[in-house]
Amino acid sequence: MNLEEIIYKYALINAVKHKGKAMDKAVIGAVMSNEPQLRKKAQKVLEKTKNIVEKVNKLTPKEQEEELKKLGIKLEEKKEARKKRGLPPLPNIQQKVILRFAPNPSGPLHIGHARAAILNYEYAKKYNGSLILRMEDTDPRRVDPEAYKMIQEDLEWLGIKWDKLIIQSDRIPIYHEYAKKLLEE
Protein backbone atom coordinates (compact mmCIF):
# COMPACT_ATOMS: atom_id res chain seq x y z
CA MET A 1 0.00 0.00 0.00
CA ASN A 2 1.24 3.47 -0.78
CA LEU A 3 0.97 6.40 1.62
CA GLU A 4 -2.38 7.67 0.27
CA GLU A 5 -3.94 4.20 0.49
CA ILE A 6 -2.78 3.78 4.08
CA ILE A 7 -4.19 7.17 5.10
CA TYR A 8 -7.41 6.41 3.19
CA LYS A 9 -7.79 3.12 5.08
CA TYR A 10 -7.44 4.78 8.49
CA ALA A 11 -9.71 7.66 7.45
CA LEU A 12 -12.40 5.15 6.47
CA ILE A 13 -12.01 3.24 9.72
CA ASN A 14 -12.26 6.46 11.73
CA ALA A 15 -15.29 7.65 9.77
CA VAL A 16 -17.18 4.36 10.13
CA LYS A 17 -16.51 4.34 13.87
CA HIS A 18 -17.78 7.93 14.22
CA LYS A 19 -21.03 8.11 12.26
CA GLY A 20 -19.47 8.98 8.92
CA LYS A 21 -17.15 11.76 10.06
CA ALA A 22 -13.40 11.17 10.22
CA MET A 23 -11.20 13.60 12.14
CA ASP A 24 -7.77 14.64 10.81
CA LYS A 25 -5.94 14.34 14.13
CA ALA A 26 -7.44 10.95 14.92
CA VAL A 27 -6.48 9.63 11.48
CA ILE A 28 -2.92 10.96 11.81
CA GLY A 29 -2.66 9.37 15.27
CA ALA A 30 -3.90 6.03 13.94
CA VAL A 31 -1.45 6.13 11.02
CA MET A 32 1.50 6.99 13.26
CA SER A 33 0.69 4.42 15.92
CA ASN A 34 -0.20 1.55 13.57
CA GLU A 35 2.38 2.27 10.86
CA PRO A 36 5.55 3.22 12.77
CA GLN A 37 7.64 3.15 9.59
CA LEU A 38 5.74 6.26 8.45
CA ARG A 39 6.85 8.35 11.41
CA LYS A 40 9.86 9.42 9.35
CA LYS A 41 7.40 10.79 6.78
CA ALA A 42 5.25 12.60 9.33
CA GLN A 43 5.23 15.84 7.32
CA LYS A 44 3.93 14.05 4.21
CA VAL A 45 1.29 12.25 6.30
CA LEU A 46 0.14 15.60 7.71
CA GLU A 47 -0.03 17.19 4.25
CA LYS A 48 -2.03 14.38 2.65
CA THR A 49 -4.40 13.57 5.51
CA LYS A 50 -6.59 16.67 5.28
CA ASN A 51 -7.56 16.08 1.62
CA ILE A 52 -8.11 12.36 2.14
CA VAL A 53 -10.29 12.95 5.21
CA GLU A 54 -12.37 15.48 3.25
CA LYS A 55 -12.79 12.91 0.45
CA VAL A 56 -13.88 10.21 2.93
CA ASN A 57 -16.27 12.55 4.72
CA LYS A 58 -18.04 13.30 1.40
CA LEU A 59 -19.00 9.62 1.17
CA THR A 60 -22.19 8.41 2.82
CA PRO A 61 -21.74 6.10 5.81
CA LYS A 62 -22.92 3.21 3.63
CA GLU A 63 -20.34 4.06 0.93
CA GLN A 64 -17.64 4.26 3.60
CA GLU A 65 -18.53 0.77 4.82
CA GLU A 66 -18.50 -0.56 1.24
CA GLU A 67 -15.06 0.97 0.67
CA LEU A 68 -13.79 -0.74 3.82
CA LYS A 69 -15.17 -4.07 2.59
CA LYS A 70 -13.35 -3.58 -0.74
CA LEU A 71 -10.14 -3.18 1.26
CA GLY A 72 -10.93 -6.41 3.11
CA ILE A 73 -11.40 -4.68 6.44
CA LYS A 74 -14.23 -5.72 8.68
CA LEU A 75 -14.73 -3.74 11.85
CA GLU A 76 -15.97 -5.59 14.86
CA GLU A 77 -19.23 -4.21 16.07
CA LYS A 78 -18.74 -2.36 19.25
CA LYS A 79 -20.64 -4.11 21.97
CA GLU A 80 -21.94 -1.86 24.63
CA ALA A 81 -19.98 -2.76 27.70
CA ARG A 82 -22.31 -3.20 30.59
CA LYS A 83 -21.09 -1.19 33.44
CA LYS A 84 -21.30 -3.00 36.69
CA ARG A 85 -23.13 -0.84 39.11
CA GLY A 86 -22.86 -1.09 42.81
CA LEU A 87 -20.12 -1.92 45.22
CA PRO A 88 -17.67 -4.76 44.74
CA PRO A 89 -18.08 -7.52 47.31
CA LEU A 90 -16.02 -7.44 50.47
CA PRO A 91 -13.74 -10.47 50.84
CA ASN A 92 -14.06 -12.99 53.67
CA ILE A 93 -17.39 -11.84 55.08
CA GLN A 94 -18.38 -14.49 57.63
CA GLN A 95 -20.76 -12.65 59.91
CA LYS A 96 -22.58 -9.37 60.39
CA VAL A 97 -20.59 -6.40 59.16
CA ILE A 98 -20.01 -3.50 61.53
CA LEU A 99 -18.57 -0.38 59.94
CA ARG A 100 -17.70 2.97 61.38
CA PHE A 101 -17.36 6.49 60.14
CA ALA A 102 -15.03 8.43 62.43
CA PRO A 103 -14.71 12.13 61.64
CA ASN A 104 -12.94 14.64 63.84
CA PRO A 105 -15.54 17.24 64.86
CA SER A 106 -13.50 20.21 63.69
CA GLY A 107 -16.02 21.58 61.20
CA PRO A 108 -18.53 20.53 58.55
CA LEU A 109 -17.91 17.48 56.40
CA HIS A 110 -16.05 17.88 53.12
CA ILE A 111 -16.30 15.78 49.95
CA GLY A 112 -13.72 13.26 51.19
CA HIS A 113 -15.74 12.70 54.34
CA ALA A 114 -18.91 12.30 52.28
CA ARG A 115 -17.27 9.67 50.08
CA ALA A 116 -16.06 7.63 53.05
CA ALA A 117 -19.38 7.95 54.88
CA ILE A 118 -21.40 6.89 51.83
CA LEU A 119 -19.16 3.88 51.14
CA ASN A 120 -19.41 2.67 54.73
CA TYR A 121 -23.17 3.23 54.83
CA GLU A 122 -23.74 1.43 51.52
CA TYR A 123 -21.64 -1.56 52.61
CA ALA A 124 -23.52 -1.71 55.92
CA LYS A 125 -26.81 -1.78 53.98
CA LYS A 126 -25.51 -4.33 51.45
CA TYR A 127 -24.54 -6.79 54.19
CA ASN A 128 -27.39 -5.99 56.61
CA GLY A 129 -24.78 -4.69 59.00
CA SER A 130 -24.57 -1.62 61.16
CA LEU A 131 -22.84 1.73 60.95
CA ILE A 132 -21.28 3.44 63.94
CA LEU A 133 -20.76 7.20 63.89
CA ARG A 134 -17.72 7.74 66.09
CA MET A 135 -16.66 11.30 66.82
CA GLU A 136 -12.89 11.34 67.30
CA ASP A 137 -12.68 14.32 69.60
CA THR A 138 -9.80 13.56 71.95
CA ASP A 139 -7.66 16.46 70.68
CA PRO A 140 -9.36 19.45 72.33
CA ARG A 141 -7.39 21.94 70.19
CA ARG A 142 -9.12 20.71 67.03
CA VAL A 143 -12.69 20.35 68.30
CA ASP A 144 -15.41 22.78 67.25
CA PRO A 145 -18.37 22.25 69.61
CA GLU A 146 -20.82 23.12 66.81
CA ALA A 147 -19.32 20.45 64.54
CA TYR A 148 -20.96 17.56 66.45
CA LYS A 149 -24.36 18.74 65.28
CA MET A 150 -23.12 19.87 61.83
CA ILE A 151 -21.69 16.43 61.07
CA GLN A 152 -24.91 14.70 62.02
CA GLU A 153 -26.94 17.15 59.92
CA ASP A 154 -24.59 16.66 56.96
CA LEU A 155 -24.94 12.89 57.19
CA GLU A 156 -28.72 13.17 57.38
CA TRP A 157 -28.66 15.42 54.32
CA LEU A 158 -26.68 12.69 52.50
CA GLY A 159 -29.35 10.16 53.50
CA ILE A 160 -27.01 8.29 55.82
CA LYS A 161 -28.47 6.66 58.92
CA TRP A 162 -26.14 5.40 61.64
CA ASP A 163 -27.04 2.78 64.19
CA LYS A 164 -24.94 4.03 67.06
CA LEU A 165 -23.25 7.32 67.99
CA ILE A 166 -20.04 7.15 70.00
CA ILE A 167 -18.29 10.25 71.32
CA GLN A 168 -14.71 9.17 71.88
CA SER A 169 -14.02 11.67 74.69
CA ASP A 170 -16.99 10.28 76.66
CA ARG A 171 -15.24 6.92 76.70
CA ILE A 172 -11.89 8.02 78.12
CA PRO A 173 -12.59 6.31 81.48
CA ILE A 174 -13.16 3.03 79.60
CA TYR A 175 -9.86 3.48 77.72
CA HIS A 176 -8.09 4.18 81.03
CA GLU A 177 -9.46 0.95 82.52
CA TYR A 178 -8.21 -1.08 79.56
CA ALA A 179 -4.82 0.64 79.74
CA LYS A 180 -4.56 -0.25 83.46
CA LYS A 181 -5.44 -3.89 82.75
CA LEU A 182 -2.85 -4.08 80.00
CA LEU A 183 -0.17 -2.58 82.23
CA GLU A 184 -1.01 -5.03 85.02
CA GLU A 185 -0.68 -8.06 82.73
C-alpha atoms as a PDB file:
ATOM      1  CA  MET A   1       0.000   0.000   0.000  1.00  0.00           C
ATOM      2  CA  ASN A   2       1.242   3.469  -0.783  1.00  0.00           C
ATOM      3  CA  LEU A   3       0.966   6.399   1.617  1.00  0.00           C
ATOM      4  CA  GLU A   4      -2.379   7.668   0.269  1.00  0.00           C
ATOM      5  CA  GLU A   5      -3.938   4.202   0.490  1.00  0.00           C
ATOM      6  CA  ILE A   6      -2.782   3.785   4.083  1.00  0.00           C
ATOM      7  CA  ILE A   7      -4.194   7.171   5.102  1.00  0.00           C
ATOM      8  CA  TYR A   8      -7.410   6.407   3.193  1.00  0.00           C
ATOM      9  CA  LYS A   9      -7.787   3.119   5.076  1.00  0.00           C
ATOM     10  CA  TYR A  10      -7.435   4.779   8.488  1.00  0.00           C
ATOM     11  CA  ALA A  11      -9.706   7.657   7.455  1.00  0.00           C
ATOM     12  CA  LEU A  12     -12.404   5.146   6.467  1.00  0.00           C
ATOM     13  CA  ILE A  13     -12.007   3.238   9.718  1.00  0.00           C
ATOM     14  CA  ASN A  14     -12.263   6.462  11.729  1.00  0.00           C
ATOM     15  CA  ALA A  15     -15.294   7.650   9.773  1.00  0.00           C
ATOM     16  CA  VAL A  16     -17.180   4.363  10.135  1.00  0.00           C
ATOM     17  CA  LYS A  17     -16.513   4.345  13.870  1.00  0.00           C
ATOM     18  CA  HIS A  18     -17.782   7.927  14.217  1.00  0.00           C
ATOM     19  CA  LYS A  19     -21.034   8.113  12.257  1.00  0.00           C
ATOM     20  CA  GLY A  20     -19.469   8.976   8.920  1.00  0.00           C
ATOM     21  CA  LYS A  21     -17.146  11.757  10.056  1.00  0.00           C
ATOM     22  CA  ALA A  22     -13.404  11.175  10.216  1.00  0.00           C
ATOM     23  CA  MET A  23     -11.199  13.597  12.138  1.00  0.00           C
ATOM     24  CA  ASP A  24      -7.766  14.644  10.809  1.00  0.00           C
ATOM     25  CA  LYS A  25      -5.940  14.343  14.128  1.00  0.00           C
ATOM     26  CA  ALA A  26      -7.438  10.948  14.915  1.00  0.00           C
ATOM     27  CA  VAL A  27      -6.477   9.630  11.477  1.00  0.00           C
ATOM     28  CA  ILE A  28      -2.921  10.965  11.814  1.00  0.00           C
ATOM     29  CA  GLY A  29      -2.663   9.373  15.266  1.00  0.00           C
ATOM     30  CA  ALA A  30      -3.895   6.027  13.936  1.00  0.00           C
ATOM     31  CA  VAL A  31      -1.447   6.128  11.021  1.00  0.00           C
ATOM     32  CA  MET A  32       1.496   6.990  13.262  1.00  0.00           C
ATOM     33  CA  SER A  33       0.692   4.415  15.924  1.00  0.00           C
ATOM     34  CA  ASN A  34      -0.200   1.552  13.573  1.00  0.00           C
ATOM     35  CA  GLU A  35       2.376   2.266  10.862  1.00  0.00           C
ATOM     36  CA  PRO A  36       5.548   3.219  12.774  1.00  0.00           C
ATOM     37  CA  GLN A  37       7.639   3.147   9.593  1.00  0.00           C
ATOM     38  CA  LEU A  38       5.743   6.258   8.448  1.00  0.00           C
ATOM     39  CA  ARG A  39       6.853   8.354  11.408  1.00  0.00           C
ATOM     40  CA  LYS A  40       9.864   9.422   9.349  1.00  0.00           C
ATOM     41  CA  LYS A  41       7.404  10.786   6.784  1.00  0.00           C
ATOM     42  CA  ALA A  42       5.246  12.604   9.327  1.00  0.00           C
ATOM     43  CA  GLN A  43       5.231  15.844   7.324  1.00  0.00           C
ATOM     44  CA  LYS A  44       3.927  14.052   4.213  1.00  0.00           C
ATOM     45  CA  VAL A  45       1.295  12.247   6.303  1.00  0.00           C
ATOM     46  CA  LEU A  46       0.139  15.596   7.711  1.00  0.00           C
ATOM     47  CA  GLU A  47      -0.026  17.185   4.251  1.00  0.00           C
ATOM     48  CA  LYS A  48      -2.026  14.378   2.646  1.00  0.00           C
ATOM     49  CA  THR A  49      -4.395  13.568   5.510  1.00  0.00           C
ATOM     50  CA  LYS A  50      -6.588  16.670   5.280  1.00  0.00           C
ATOM     51  CA  ASN A  51      -7.556  16.081   1.623  1.00  0.00           C
ATOM     52  CA  ILE A  52      -8.107  12.363   2.135  1.00  0.00           C
ATOM     53  CA  VAL A  53     -10.289  12.951   5.209  1.00  0.00           C
ATOM     54  CA  GLU A  54     -12.366  15.478   3.253  1.00  0.00           C
ATOM     55  CA  LYS A  55     -12.794  12.906   0.455  1.00  0.00           C
ATOM     56  CA  VAL A  56     -13.876  10.209   2.928  1.00  0.00           C
ATOM     57  CA  ASN A  57     -16.274  12.554   4.723  1.00  0.00           C
ATOM     58  CA  LYS A  58     -18.040  13.296   1.403  1.00  0.00           C
ATOM     59  CA  LEU A  59     -19.002   9.617   1.169  1.00  0.00           C
ATOM     60  CA  THR A  60     -22.190   8.409   2.817  1.00  0.00           C
ATOM     61  CA  PRO A  61     -21.736   6.099   5.808  1.00  0.00           C
ATOM     62  CA  LYS A  62     -22.918   3.205   3.630  1.00  0.00           C
ATOM     63  CA  GLU A  63     -20.345   4.060   0.932  1.00  0.00           C
ATOM     64  CA  GLN A  64     -17.645   4.264   3.597  1.00  0.00           C
ATOM     65  CA  GLU A  65     -18.534   0.768   4.825  1.00  0.00           C
ATOM     66  CA  GLU A  66     -18.505  -0.558   1.244  1.00  0.00           C
ATOM     67  CA  GLU A  67     -15.057   0.971   0.672  1.00  0.00           C
ATOM     68  CA  LEU A  68     -13.787  -0.741   3.825  1.00  0.00           C
ATOM     69  CA  LYS A  69     -15.167  -4.070   2.588  1.00  0.00           C
ATOM     70  CA  LYS A  70     -13.346  -3.577  -0.740  1.00  0.00           C
ATOM     71  CA  LEU A  71     -10.143  -3.177   1.256  1.00  0.00           C
ATOM     72  CA  GLY A  72     -10.931  -6.410   3.106  1.00  0.00           C
ATOM     73  CA  ILE A  73     -11.405  -4.680   6.444  1.00  0.00           C
ATOM     74  CA  LYS A  74     -14.230  -5.725   8.682  1.00  0.00           C
ATOM     75  CA  LEU A  75     -14.735  -3.738  11.846  1.00  0.00           C
ATOM     76  CA  GLU A  76     -15.968  -5.594  14.861  1.00  0.00           C
ATOM     77  CA  GLU A  77     -19.231  -4.205  16.070  1.00  0.00           C
ATOM     78  CA  LYS A  78     -18.737  -2.359  19.253  1.00  0.00           C
ATOM     79  CA  LYS A  79     -20.641  -4.111  21.970  1.00  0.00           C
ATOM     80  CA  GLU A  80     -21.939  -1.860  24.632  1.00  0.00           C
ATOM     81  CA  ALA A  81     -19.978  -2.761  27.697  1.00  0.00           C
ATOM     82  CA  ARG A  82     -22.308  -3.197  30.591  1.00  0.00           C
ATOM     83  CA  LYS A  83     -21.093  -1.187  33.439  1.00  0.00           C
ATOM     84  CA  LYS A  84     -21.303  -2.999  36.691  1.00  0.00           C
ATOM     85  CA  ARG A  85     -23.128  -0.837  39.109  1.00  0.00           C
ATOM     86  CA  GLY A  86     -22.860  -1.089  42.810  1.00  0.00           C
ATOM     87  CA  LEU A  87     -20.123  -1.922  45.218  1.00  0.00           C
ATOM     88  CA  PRO A  88     -17.674  -4.763  44.743  1.00  0.00           C
ATOM     89  CA  PRO A  89     -18.082  -7.523  47.307  1.00  0.00           C
ATOM     90  CA  LEU A  90     -16.018  -7.440  50.475  1.00  0.00           C
ATOM     91  CA  PRO A  91     -13.738 -10.470  50.842  1.00  0.00           C
ATOM     92  CA  ASN A  92     -14.060 -12.992  53.670  1.00  0.00           C
ATOM     93  CA  ILE A  93     -17.392 -11.842  55.079  1.00  0.00           C
ATOM     94  CA  GLN A  94     -18.383 -14.491  57.626  1.00  0.00           C
ATOM     95  CA  GLN A  95     -20.758 -12.651  59.908  1.00  0.00           C
ATOM     96  CA  LYS A  96     -22.581  -9.374  60.394  1.00  0.00           C
ATOM     97  CA  VAL A  97     -20.594  -6.402  59.163  1.00  0.00           C
ATOM     98  CA  ILE A  98     -20.009  -3.496  61.529  1.00  0.00           C
ATOM     99  CA  LEU A  99     -18.570  -0.383  59.945  1.00  0.00           C
ATOM    100  CA  ARG A 100     -17.696   2.973  61.384  1.00  0.00           C
ATOM    101  CA  PHE A 101     -17.362   6.486  60.139  1.00  0.00           C
ATOM    102  CA  ALA A 102     -15.033   8.432  62.427  1.00  0.00           C
ATOM    103  CA  PRO A 103     -14.714  12.127  61.641  1.00  0.00           C
ATOM    104  CA  ASN A 104     -12.941  14.636  63.836  1.00  0.00           C
ATOM    105  CA  PRO A 105     -15.544  17.237  64.864  1.00  0.00           C
ATOM    106  CA  SER A 106     -13.495  20.206  63.692  1.00  0.00           C
ATOM    107  CA  GLY A 107     -16.016  21.580  61.199  1.00  0.00           C
ATOM    108  CA  PRO A 108     -18.528  20.527  58.551  1.00  0.00           C
ATOM    109  CA  LEU A 109     -17.910  17.479  56.401  1.00  0.00           C
ATOM    110  CA  HIS A 110     -16.045  17.875  53.116  1.00  0.00           C
ATOM    111  CA  ILE A 111     -16.299  15.783  49.950  1.00  0.00           C
ATOM    112  CA  GLY A 112     -13.716  13.261  51.185  1.00  0.00           C
ATOM    113  CA  HIS A 113     -15.737  12.696  54.342  1.00  0.00           C
ATOM    114  CA  ALA A 114     -18.908  12.302  52.284  1.00  0.00           C
ATOM    115  CA  ARG A 115     -17.275   9.669  50.084  1.00  0.00           C
ATOM    116  CA  ALA A 116     -16.062   7.630  53.053  1.00  0.00           C
ATOM    117  CA  ALA A 117     -19.384   7.946  54.877  1.00  0.00           C
ATOM    118  CA  ILE A 118     -21.396   6.889  51.827  1.00  0.00           C
ATOM    119  CA  LEU A 119     -19.159   3.878  51.141  1.00  0.00           C
ATOM    120  CA  ASN A 120     -19.410   2.671  54.733  1.00  0.00           C
ATOM    121  CA  TYR A 121     -23.167   3.229  54.829  1.00  0.00           C
ATOM    122  CA  GLU A 122     -23.739   1.425  51.522  1.00  0.00           C
ATOM    123  CA  TYR A 123     -21.639  -1.563  52.611  1.00  0.00           C
ATOM    124  CA  ALA A 124     -23.518  -1.709  55.917  1.00  0.00           C
ATOM    125  CA  LYS A 125     -26.808  -1.781  53.975  1.00  0.00           C
ATOM    126  CA  LYS A 126     -25.506  -4.328  51.451  1.00  0.00           C
ATOM    127  CA  TYR A 127     -24.544  -6.792  54.191  1.00  0.00           C
ATOM    128  CA  ASN A 128     -27.393  -5.989  56.613  1.00  0.00           C
ATOM    129  CA  GLY A 129     -24.784  -4.690  59.000  1.00  0.00           C
ATOM    130  CA  SER A 130     -24.568  -1.620  61.157  1.00  0.00           C
ATOM    131  CA  LEU A 131     -22.841   1.730  60.952  1.00  0.00           C
ATOM    132  CA  ILE A 132     -21.283   3.441  63.936  1.00  0.00           C
ATOM    133  CA  LEU A 133     -20.762   7.197  63.886  1.00  0.00           C
ATOM    134  CA  ARG A 134     -17.723   7.737  66.095  1.00  0.00           C
ATOM    135  CA  MET A 135     -16.659  11.299  66.818  1.00  0.00           C
ATOM    136  CA  GLU A 136     -12.885  11.340  67.296  1.00  0.00           C
ATOM    137  CA  ASP A 137     -12.684  14.318  69.605  1.00  0.00           C
ATOM    138  CA  THR A 138      -9.798  13.556  71.947  1.00  0.00           C
ATOM    139  CA  ASP A 139      -7.665  16.456  70.683  1.00  0.00           C
ATOM    140  CA  PRO A 140      -9.361  19.454  72.331  1.00  0.00           C
ATOM    141  CA  ARG A 141      -7.388  21.938  70.187  1.00  0.00           C
ATOM    142  CA  ARG A 142      -9.122  20.711  67.034  1.00  0.00           C
ATOM    143  CA  VAL A 143     -12.688  20.351  68.301  1.00  0.00           C
ATOM    144  CA  ASP A 144     -15.410  22.777  67.253  1.00  0.00           C
ATOM    145  CA  PRO A 145     -18.374  22.252  69.607  1.00  0.00           C
ATOM    146  CA  GLU A 146     -20.818  23.124  66.811  1.00  0.00           C
ATOM    147  CA  ALA A 147     -19.323  20.450  64.545  1.00  0.00           C
ATOM    148  CA  TYR A 148     -20.962  17.563  66.448  1.00  0.00           C
ATOM    149  CA  LYS A 149     -24.362  18.744  65.275  1.00  0.00           C
ATOM    150  CA  MET A 150     -23.120  19.870  61.833  1.00  0.00           C
ATOM    151  CA  ILE A 151     -21.692  16.431  61.066  1.00  0.00           C
ATOM    152  CA  GLN A 152     -24.914  14.701  62.025  1.00  0.00           C
ATOM    153  CA  GLU A 153     -26.936  17.146  59.920  1.00  0.00           C
ATOM    154  CA  ASP A 154     -24.588  16.664  56.963  1.00  0.00           C
ATOM    155  CA  LEU A 155     -24.941  12.887  57.188  1.00  0.00           C
ATOM    156  CA  GLU A 156     -28.721  13.167  57.385  1.00  0.00           C
ATOM    157  CA  TRP A 157     -28.658  15.419  54.323  1.00  0.00           C
ATOM    158  CA  LEU A 158     -26.678  12.692  52.499  1.00  0.00           C
ATOM    159  CA  GLY A 159     -29.346  10.163  53.501  1.00  0.00           C
ATOM    160  CA  ILE A 160     -27.009   8.288  55.824  1.00  0.00           C
ATOM    161  CA  LYS A 161     -28.468   6.663  58.922  1.00  0.00           C
ATOM    162  CA  TRP A 162     -26.143   5.402  61.638  1.00  0.00           C
ATOM    163  CA  ASP A 163     -27.044   2.776  64.195  1.00  0.00           C
ATOM    164  CA  LYS A 164     -24.943   4.035  67.065  1.00  0.00           C
ATOM    165  CA  LEU A 165     -23.247   7.318  67.993  1.00  0.00           C
ATOM    166  CA  ILE A 166     -20.038   7.153  69.999  1.00  0.00           C
ATOM    167  CA  ILE A 167     -18.294  10.249  71.322  1.00  0.00           C
ATOM    168  CA  GLN A 168     -14.711   9.174  71.877  1.00  0.00           C
ATOM    169  CA  SER A 169     -14.016  11.672  74.687  1.00  0.00           C
ATOM    170  CA  ASP A 170     -16.988  10.280  76.655  1.00  0.00           C
ATOM    171  CA  ARG A 171     -15.240   6.917  76.699  1.00  0.00           C
ATOM    172  CA  ILE A 172     -11.885   8.022  78.116  1.00  0.00           C
ATOM    173  CA  PRO A 173     -12.592   6.307  81.484  1.00  0.00           C
ATOM    174  CA  ILE A 174     -13.161   3.034  79.596  1.00  0.00           C
ATOM    175  CA  TYR A 175      -9.855   3.485  77.719  1.00  0.00           C
ATOM    176  CA  HIS A 176      -8.091   4.179  81.030  1.00  0.00           C
ATOM    177  CA  GLU A 177      -9.456   0.948  82.520  1.00  0.00           C
ATOM    178  CA  TYR A 178      -8.209  -1.082  79.557  1.00  0.00           C
ATOM    179  CA  ALA A 179      -4.822   0.643  79.741  1.00  0.00           C
ATOM    180  CA  LYS A 180      -4.555  -0.250  83.461  1.00  0.00           C
ATOM    181  CA  LYS A 181      -5.444  -3.888  82.752  1.00  0.00           C
ATOM    182  CA  LEU A 182      -2.852  -4.083  80.002  1.00  0.00           C
ATOM    183  CA  LEU A 183      -0.171  -2.584  82.227  1.00  0.00           C
ATOM    184  CA  GLU A 184      -1.014  -5.027  85.022  1.00  0.00           C
ATOM    185  CA  GLU A 185      -0.678  -8.062  82.735  1.00  0.00           C
END
